[in-house]
Amino acid sequence: MTTLLKGDQAPEFLGIDQDGNEHKLADYKGKKLVVFFYPKASTPGCTAEACDLRDNFERFQANNFALLGVSADTPKAQLKFKEKFNFPFPLLADEDKSVIKAFGVWGPKKFMGKEYDGIHRTTFVIDENGIIDEVISEVKTKEHAAQILK
């Protein structure tokens, strides 16, 4: 779905998390950044994915990674999702889809025979200098940390 590839400069972005804090690419210079896009907070696949990342958070920290979840949910929905599952990473509430569109993960999807526009579950691994190191479009929700930390 996305046109971004390994070796591309990651898009500059500005997003607001569940607590109203701003996050931009420059904030993560010198760290590896995992930006994972998921369709909807508190749904089964998204919960499995985020919980797997949470359960492996110490491994990410040990390898100089920061994590950032992104969906088009409201800040209230993101806060509820984060608190319910005790996520140690911020969740951007990208209601205007500016971050989602910058990364090119919004587009047509099919579910139960219906076509609609939505987020394509995609993860970007960005290096310390803001260069995309990996694009994961075939996300295994229950084993996502292993896909990233392989």
N, C-alpha and C. Protein backbone atom coordinates (compact mmCIF):
# COMPACT_ATOMS: atom_id res chain seq x y z
N MET A 1 0.84 -1.20 0.00
CA MET A 1 0.00 0.00 0.00
C MET A 1 0.88 1.25 0.00
N THR A 2 1.79 1.35 0.96
CA THR A 2 2.64 2.54 1.05
C THR A 2 3.66 2.55 -0.09
N THR A 3 4.09 3.73 -0.50
CA THR A 3 5.13 3.83 -1.52
C THR A 3 6.50 4.02 -0.88
N LEU A 4 6.54 4.14 0.45
CA LEU A 4 7.81 4.30 1.15
C LEU A 4 8.57 2.97 1.15
N LEU A 5 9.88 3.06 0.97
CA LEU A 5 10.72 1.87 0.90
C LEU A 5 11.91 1.98 1.83
N LYS A 6 12.52 0.83 2.10
CA LYS A 6 13.77 0.80 2.87
C LYS A 6 14.76 1.74 2.19
N GLY A 7 15.43 2.59 2.98
CA GLY A 7 16.39 3.54 2.43
C GLY A 7 15.82 4.92 2.20
N ASP A 8 14.49 5.06 2.21
CA ASP A 8 13.86 6.38 2.05
C ASP A 8 13.97 7.17 3.35
N GLN A 9 13.98 8.49 3.22
CA GLN A 9 13.87 9.37 4.38
C GLN A 9 12.45 9.22 4.93
N ALA A 10 12.32 9.01 6.23
CA ALA A 10 10.99 8.93 6.84
C ALA A 10 10.32 10.29 6.74
N PRO A 11 9.00 10.31 6.55
CA PRO A 11 8.31 11.60 6.46
C PRO A 11 8.38 12.37 7.78
N GLU A 12 8.53 13.67 7.65
CA GLU A 12 8.42 14.53 8.83
C GLU A 12 6.95 14.45 9.26
N PHE A 13 6.71 14.33 10.53
CA PHE A 13 5.32 14.27 10.98
C PHE A 13 5.19 15.01 12.30
N LEU A 14 3.97 15.38 12.61
CA LEU A 14 3.64 15.97 13.90
C LEU A 14 2.31 15.34 14.31
N GLY A 15 2.34 14.62 15.41
CA GLY A 15 1.13 13.96 15.90
C GLY A 15 0.93 14.25 17.37
N ILE A 16 -0.30 14.10 17.82
CA ILE A 16 -0.68 14.35 19.22
C ILE A 16 -1.07 13.01 19.85
N ASP A 17 -0.49 12.72 21.03
CA ASP A 17 -0.79 11.44 21.67
C ASP A 17 -2.03 11.53 22.58
N GLN A 18 -2.29 10.43 23.26
CA GLN A 18 -3.47 10.28 24.11
C GLN A 18 -3.51 11.31 25.25
N ASP A 19 -2.38 11.90 25.60
CA ASP A 19 -2.33 12.88 26.68
C ASP A 19 -2.22 14.31 26.16
N GLY A 20 -2.27 14.49 24.84
CA GLY A 20 -2.15 15.83 24.27
C GLY A 20 -0.73 16.27 24.00
N ASN A 21 0.25 15.37 24.16
CA ASN A 21 1.66 15.70 23.90
C ASN A 21 1.97 15.56 22.42
N GLU A 22 2.84 16.46 21.92
CA GLU A 22 3.26 16.41 20.52
C GLU A 22 4.42 15.44 20.33
N HIS A 23 4.42 14.78 19.18
CA HIS A 23 5.52 13.90 18.79
C HIS A 23 5.86 14.22 17.34
N LYS A 24 7.16 14.38 17.06
CA LYS A 24 7.60 14.57 15.68
C LYS A 24 8.86 13.74 15.45
N LEU A 25 9.16 13.51 14.19
CA LEU A 25 10.30 12.67 13.83
C LEU A 25 11.58 13.14 14.52
N ALA A 26 11.81 14.45 14.54
CA ALA A 26 13.04 15.01 15.11
C ALA A 26 13.22 14.64 16.59
N ASP A 27 12.12 14.40 17.30
CA ASP A 27 12.20 14.04 18.72
C ASP A 27 12.96 12.73 18.93
N TYR A 28 13.04 11.92 17.89
CA TYR A 28 13.59 10.57 18.02
C TYR A 28 14.97 10.42 17.38
N LYS A 29 15.58 11.54 16.99
CA LYS A 29 16.91 11.48 16.39
C LYS A 29 17.86 10.83 17.41
N GLY A 30 18.68 9.90 16.92
CA GLY A 30 19.61 9.20 17.81
C GLY A 30 19.03 7.93 18.39
N LYS A 31 17.75 7.69 18.16
CA LYS A 31 17.09 6.45 18.58
C LYS A 31 16.51 5.77 17.35
N LYS A 32 16.34 4.46 17.45
CA LYS A 32 15.59 3.76 16.40
C LYS A 32 14.12 3.92 16.79
N LEU A 33 13.27 4.12 15.79
CA LEU A 33 11.86 4.36 16.05
C LEU A 33 11.00 3.35 15.30
N VAL A 34 10.12 2.70 16.04
CA VAL A 34 9.14 1.81 15.45
C VAL A 34 7.81 2.57 15.43
N VAL A 35 7.29 2.85 14.24
CA VAL A 35 5.98 3.49 14.11
C VAL A 35 5.03 2.43 13.57
N PHE A 36 4.09 2.00 14.43
CA PHE A 36 3.15 0.97 13.98
C PHE A 36 1.76 1.56 13.84
N PHE A 37 1.20 1.36 12.64
CA PHE A 37 -0.14 1.86 12.31
C PHE A 37 -1.11 0.71 12.47
N TYR A 38 -2.20 0.96 13.18
CA TYR A 38 -3.21 -0.08 13.39
C TYR A 38 -4.59 0.51 13.12
N PRO A 39 -5.54 -0.35 12.65
CA PRO A 39 -6.85 0.18 12.23
C PRO A 39 -7.70 0.80 13.33
N LYS A 40 -7.81 0.16 14.50
CA LYS A 40 -8.74 0.70 15.50
C LYS A 40 -8.38 0.21 16.90
N ALA A 41 -8.31 1.14 17.83
CA ALA A 41 -8.00 0.83 19.23
C ALA A 41 -9.02 -0.14 19.80
N SER A 42 -8.53 -1.04 20.65
CA SER A 42 -9.37 -1.97 21.41
C SER A 42 -10.07 -3.03 20.57
N THR A 43 -9.65 -3.23 19.32
CA THR A 43 -10.19 -4.34 18.52
C THR A 43 -9.24 -5.53 18.68
N PRO A 44 -9.70 -6.75 18.43
CA PRO A 44 -8.88 -7.93 18.74
C PRO A 44 -7.48 -7.95 18.13
N GLY A 45 -7.37 -7.71 16.82
CA GLY A 45 -6.04 -7.75 16.18
C GLY A 45 -5.12 -6.66 16.67
N CYS A 46 -5.67 -5.47 16.83
CA CYS A 46 -4.86 -4.33 17.29
C CYS A 46 -4.42 -4.53 18.73
N THR A 47 -5.30 -5.10 19.54
CA THR A 47 -4.95 -5.39 20.94
C THR A 47 -3.84 -6.44 21.00
N ALA A 48 -3.95 -7.51 20.21
CA ALA A 48 -2.93 -8.55 20.19
C ALA A 48 -1.58 -7.98 19.78
N GLU A 49 -1.58 -7.13 18.75
CA GLU A 49 -0.35 -6.52 18.26
C GLU A 49 0.29 -5.63 19.32
N ALA A 50 -0.48 -4.71 19.88
CA ALA A 50 0.06 -3.76 20.85
C ALA A 50 0.50 -4.48 22.14
N CYS A 51 -0.23 -5.52 22.55
CA CYS A 51 0.15 -6.27 23.76
C CYS A 51 1.45 -7.04 23.53
N ASP A 52 1.65 -7.57 22.33
CA ASP A 52 2.90 -8.25 22.02
C ASP A 52 4.07 -7.27 22.10
N LEU A 53 3.87 -6.07 21.59
CA LEU A 53 4.93 -5.05 21.66
C LEU A 53 5.17 -4.64 23.12
N ARG A 54 4.09 -4.50 23.88
CA ARG A 54 4.21 -4.17 25.32
C ARG A 54 5.00 -5.25 26.05
N ASP A 55 4.67 -6.52 25.79
CA ASP A 55 5.31 -7.63 26.50
C ASP A 55 6.79 -7.76 26.17
N ASN A 56 7.22 -7.16 25.07
CA ASN A 56 8.62 -7.20 24.66
C ASN A 56 9.30 -5.84 24.77
N PHE A 57 8.64 -4.91 25.49
CA PHE A 57 9.12 -3.52 25.54
C PHE A 57 10.55 -3.41 26.06
N GLU A 58 10.90 -4.21 27.05
CA GLU A 58 12.27 -4.15 27.60
C GLU A 58 13.30 -4.52 26.54
N ARG A 59 12.96 -5.47 25.69
CA ARG A 59 13.87 -5.84 24.59
C ARG A 59 14.05 -4.67 23.63
N PHE A 60 12.96 -3.96 23.35
CA PHE A 60 13.06 -2.79 22.47
C PHE A 60 13.96 -1.73 23.11
N GLN A 61 13.72 -1.46 24.39
CA GLN A 61 14.53 -0.45 25.09
C GLN A 61 16.01 -0.84 25.11
N ALA A 62 16.30 -2.10 25.33
CA ALA A 62 17.68 -2.59 25.39
C ALA A 62 18.38 -2.41 24.04
N ASN A 63 17.61 -2.33 22.97
CA ASN A 63 18.18 -2.16 21.63
C ASN A 63 18.01 -0.74 21.09
N ASN A 64 17.77 0.23 21.99
CA ASN A 64 17.68 1.66 21.65
C ASN A 64 16.50 2.00 20.74
N PHE A 65 15.38 1.28 20.93
CA PHE A 65 14.18 1.56 20.15
C PHE A 65 13.18 2.35 20.97
N ALA A 66 12.49 3.29 20.31
CA ALA A 66 11.30 3.92 20.86
C ALA A 66 10.13 3.39 20.03
N LEU A 67 8.95 3.30 20.62
CA LEU A 67 7.76 2.82 19.92
C LEU A 67 6.69 3.89 19.92
N LEU A 68 5.95 3.95 18.82
CA LEU A 68 4.88 4.91 18.66
C LEU A 68 3.75 4.24 17.88
N GLY A 69 2.58 4.11 18.52
CA GLY A 69 1.41 3.54 17.85
C GLY A 69 0.60 4.67 17.24
N VAL A 70 -0.03 4.39 16.08
CA VAL A 70 -0.82 5.43 15.41
C VAL A 70 -2.11 4.82 14.85
N SER A 71 -3.23 5.47 15.15
CA SER A 71 -4.50 5.15 14.49
C SER A 71 -5.30 6.45 14.41
N ALA A 72 -6.45 6.38 13.73
CA ALA A 72 -7.28 7.57 13.55
C ALA A 72 -8.28 7.74 14.70
N ASP A 73 -8.09 7.01 15.79
CA ASP A 73 -8.99 7.11 16.94
C ASP A 73 -8.86 8.46 17.63
N THR A 74 -9.84 8.77 18.47
CA THR A 74 -9.82 10.00 19.26
C THR A 74 -8.79 9.88 20.38
N PRO A 75 -8.33 11.00 20.93
CA PRO A 75 -7.43 10.92 22.08
C PRO A 75 -8.05 10.12 23.24
N LYS A 76 -9.36 10.29 23.45
CA LYS A 76 -10.05 9.58 24.53
C LYS A 76 -10.00 8.06 24.32
N ALA A 77 -10.24 7.62 23.07
CA ALA A 77 -10.18 6.18 22.76
C ALA A 77 -8.76 5.64 22.93
N GLN A 78 -7.77 6.44 22.52
CA GLN A 78 -6.38 6.01 22.66
C GLN A 78 -5.99 5.93 24.14
N LEU A 79 -6.43 6.90 24.94
CA LEU A 79 -6.13 6.89 26.37
C LEU A 79 -6.74 5.66 27.04
N LYS A 80 -7.97 5.36 26.70
CA LYS A 80 -8.66 4.19 27.27
C LYS A 80 -7.92 2.90 26.89
N PHE A 81 -7.52 2.79 25.63
CA PHE A 81 -6.78 1.63 25.12
C PHE A 81 -5.45 1.49 25.86
N LYS A 82 -4.74 2.60 25.99
CA LYS A 82 -3.42 2.59 26.65
C LYS A 82 -3.55 2.20 28.12
N GLU A 83 -4.52 2.79 28.80
CA GLU A 83 -4.69 2.52 30.24
C GLU A 83 -5.17 1.10 30.49
N LYS A 84 -6.11 0.62 29.68
CA LYS A 84 -6.67 -0.71 29.87
C LYS A 84 -5.59 -1.79 29.76
N PHE A 85 -4.65 -1.61 28.82
CA PHE A 85 -3.63 -2.63 28.58
C PHE A 85 -2.24 -2.22 29.07
N ASN A 86 -2.17 -1.06 29.75
CA ASN A 86 -0.92 -0.62 30.37
C ASN A 86 0.24 -0.53 29.38
N PHE A 87 0.01 0.13 28.25
CA PHE A 87 1.06 0.27 27.26
C PHE A 87 2.10 1.28 27.72
N PRO A 88 3.40 0.95 27.60
CA PRO A 88 4.47 1.86 28.03
C PRO A 88 4.91 2.83 26.93
N PHE A 89 4.17 2.88 25.83
CA PHE A 89 4.52 3.74 24.70
C PHE A 89 3.31 4.61 24.33
N PRO A 90 3.57 5.78 23.72
CA PRO A 90 2.48 6.67 23.35
C PRO A 90 1.69 6.16 22.14
N LEU A 91 0.42 6.57 22.08
CA LEU A 91 -0.47 6.25 20.97
C LEU A 91 -0.95 7.56 20.36
N LEU A 92 -0.61 7.80 19.10
CA LEU A 92 -1.04 9.03 18.46
C LEU A 92 -2.51 8.92 18.04
N ALA A 93 -3.25 9.96 18.34
CA ALA A 93 -4.65 10.07 17.94
C ALA A 93 -4.67 10.92 16.68
N ASP A 94 -4.54 10.27 15.54
CA ASP A 94 -4.37 10.96 14.25
C ASP A 94 -5.72 11.13 13.55
N GLU A 95 -6.61 11.88 14.20
CA GLU A 95 -7.97 12.02 13.69
C GLU A 95 -8.03 12.67 12.30
N ASP A 96 -7.10 13.59 12.01
CA ASP A 96 -7.11 14.23 10.68
C ASP A 96 -6.32 13.41 9.66
N LYS A 97 -5.74 12.30 10.13
CA LYS A 97 -5.00 11.35 9.28
C LYS A 97 -3.76 11.96 8.63
N SER A 98 -3.21 13.03 9.20
CA SER A 98 -2.03 13.66 8.58
C SER A 98 -0.81 12.74 8.65
N VAL A 99 -0.61 12.06 9.78
CA VAL A 99 0.53 11.14 9.92
C VAL A 99 0.27 9.88 9.08
N ILE A 100 -0.96 9.38 9.16
CA ILE A 100 -1.36 8.18 8.40
C ILE A 100 -1.13 8.40 6.91
N LYS A 101 -1.53 9.55 6.40
CA LYS A 101 -1.38 9.83 4.97
C LYS A 101 0.08 10.11 4.61
N ALA A 102 0.83 10.75 5.52
CA ALA A 102 2.25 11.01 5.25
C ALA A 102 3.01 9.70 5.02
N PHE A 103 2.62 8.65 5.75
CA PHE A 103 3.27 7.36 5.60
C PHE A 103 2.60 6.49 4.53
N GLY A 104 1.49 6.98 3.97
CA GLY A 104 0.84 6.29 2.86
C GLY A 104 0.14 5.00 3.22
N VAL A 105 -0.44 4.94 4.43
CA VAL A 105 -1.09 3.69 4.86
C VAL A 105 -2.63 3.79 4.89
N TRP A 106 -3.18 4.84 4.28
CA TRP A 106 -4.64 4.99 4.19
C TRP A 106 -5.06 4.63 2.78
N GLY A 107 -6.10 3.82 2.65
CA GLY A 107 -6.57 3.49 1.32
C GLY A 107 -7.66 2.44 1.33
N PRO A 108 -8.06 1.98 0.14
CA PRO A 108 -9.16 1.02 0.03
C PRO A 108 -8.83 -0.33 0.67
N LYS A 109 -9.82 -0.87 1.36
CA LYS A 109 -9.71 -2.18 2.01
C LYS A 109 -10.99 -2.95 1.73
N LYS A 110 -10.92 -4.25 1.91
CA LYS A 110 -12.12 -5.08 1.78
C LYS A 110 -12.30 -5.88 3.05
N PHE A 111 -13.55 -5.96 3.51
CA PHE A 111 -13.88 -6.77 4.68
C PHE A 111 -15.29 -7.31 4.47
N MET A 112 -15.40 -8.62 4.53
CA MET A 112 -16.69 -9.29 4.36
C MET A 112 -17.44 -8.80 3.11
N GLY A 113 -16.70 -8.68 2.01
CA GLY A 113 -17.31 -8.30 0.74
C GLY A 113 -17.56 -6.81 0.55
N LYS A 114 -17.32 -6.03 1.59
CA LYS A 114 -17.53 -4.58 1.47
C LYS A 114 -16.18 -3.89 1.28
N GLU A 115 -16.19 -2.84 0.44
CA GLU A 115 -14.98 -2.07 0.25
C GLU A 115 -15.13 -0.72 0.96
N TYR A 116 -14.08 -0.29 1.60
CA TYR A 116 -14.11 0.98 2.33
C TYR A 116 -12.68 1.49 2.46
N ASP A 117 -12.51 2.74 2.85
CA ASP A 117 -11.17 3.29 3.09
C ASP A 117 -10.81 3.12 4.56
N GLY A 118 -9.57 2.76 4.79
CA GLY A 118 -9.12 2.57 6.16
C GLY A 118 -7.61 2.47 6.24
N ILE A 119 -7.11 2.21 7.44
CA ILE A 119 -5.68 2.08 7.68
C ILE A 119 -5.23 0.66 7.33
N HIS A 120 -4.16 0.58 6.57
CA HIS A 120 -3.53 -0.71 6.30
C HIS A 120 -2.51 -0.94 7.41
N ARG A 121 -2.67 -2.03 8.15
CA ARG A 121 -1.78 -2.34 9.27
C ARG A 121 -0.35 -2.47 8.74
N THR A 122 0.48 -1.50 9.07
CA THR A 122 1.85 -1.43 8.56
C THR A 122 2.75 -0.89 9.66
N THR A 123 3.99 -1.39 9.70
CA THR A 123 4.97 -0.92 10.67
C THR A 123 6.21 -0.44 9.94
N PHE A 124 6.73 0.69 10.40
CA PHE A 124 7.96 1.26 9.85
C PHE A 124 9.02 1.25 10.93
N VAL A 125 10.20 0.72 10.60
CA VAL A 125 11.34 0.76 11.50
C VAL A 125 12.28 1.82 10.92
N ILE A 126 12.52 2.86 11.71
CA ILE A 126 13.29 4.03 11.26
C ILE A 126 14.59 4.08 12.05
N ASP A 127 15.70 4.30 11.37
CA ASP A 127 17.00 4.31 12.07
C ASP A 127 17.25 5.63 12.79
N GLU A 128 18.40 5.72 13.42
CA GLU A 128 18.75 6.87 14.27
C GLU A 128 18.84 8.18 13.49
N ASN A 129 18.97 8.09 12.16
CA ASN A 129 19.10 9.28 11.32
C ASN A 129 17.83 9.59 10.52
N GLY A 130 16.72 8.91 10.85
CA GLY A 130 15.46 9.19 10.18
C GLY A 130 15.28 8.49 8.85
N ILE A 131 16.09 7.47 8.60
CA ILE A 131 15.99 6.69 7.35
C ILE A 131 15.19 5.42 7.64
N ILE A 132 14.28 5.08 6.73
CA ILE A 132 13.48 3.86 6.91
C ILE A 132 14.37 2.64 6.71
N ASP A 133 14.43 1.82 7.75
CA ASP A 133 15.26 0.61 7.73
C ASP A 133 14.44 -0.61 7.30
N GLU A 134 13.13 -0.56 7.58
CA GLU A 134 12.28 -1.68 7.20
C GLU A 134 10.82 -1.23 7.15
N VAL A 135 10.07 -1.82 6.21
CA VAL A 135 8.63 -1.61 6.11
C VAL A 135 8.00 -3.00 6.23
N ILE A 136 7.18 -3.19 7.26
CA ILE A 136 6.52 -4.49 7.49
C ILE A 136 5.04 -4.32 7.17
N SER A 137 4.61 -4.91 6.05
CA SER A 137 3.20 -4.79 5.66
C SER A 137 2.43 -6.08 5.95
N GLU A 138 3.15 -7.17 6.17
CA GLU A 138 2.50 -8.44 6.55
C GLU A 138 2.70 -8.64 8.05
N VAL A 139 2.00 -7.85 8.83
CA VAL A 139 2.16 -7.86 10.29
C VAL A 139 1.50 -9.11 10.88
N LYS A 140 2.28 -9.83 11.69
CA LYS A 140 1.74 -10.96 12.46
C LYS A 140 1.43 -10.39 13.84
N THR A 141 0.15 -10.16 14.12
CA THR A 141 -0.24 -9.41 15.32
C THR A 141 0.26 -10.06 16.61
N LYS A 142 0.29 -11.39 16.69
CA LYS A 142 0.69 -12.04 17.94
C LYS A 142 2.20 -12.25 18.03
N GLU A 143 2.94 -11.98 16.96
CA GLU A 143 4.39 -12.20 16.94
C GLU A 143 5.11 -10.99 16.35
N HIS A 144 4.53 -9.80 16.54
CA HIS A 144 5.07 -8.63 15.85
C HIS A 144 6.44 -8.20 16.38
N ALA A 145 6.65 -8.31 17.68
CA ALA A 145 7.96 -7.95 18.25
C ALA A 145 9.06 -8.79 17.60
N ALA A 146 8.81 -10.09 17.43
CA ALA A 146 9.81 -10.98 16.80
C ALA A 146 10.08 -10.56 15.36
N GLN A 147 9.05 -10.08 14.65
CA GLN A 147 9.26 -9.61 13.28
C GLN A 147 10.21 -8.41 13.24
N ILE A 148 10.09 -7.54 14.23
CA ILE A 148 10.89 -6.32 14.28
C ILE A 148 12.29 -6.59 14.82
N LEU A 149 12.39 -7.38 15.87
CA LEU A 149 13.66 -7.59 16.59
C LEU A 149 14.47 -8.78 16.06
N LYS A 150 14.01 -9.41 15.01
CA LYS A 150 14.63 -10.64 14.48
C LYS A 150 16.14 -10.68 14.48
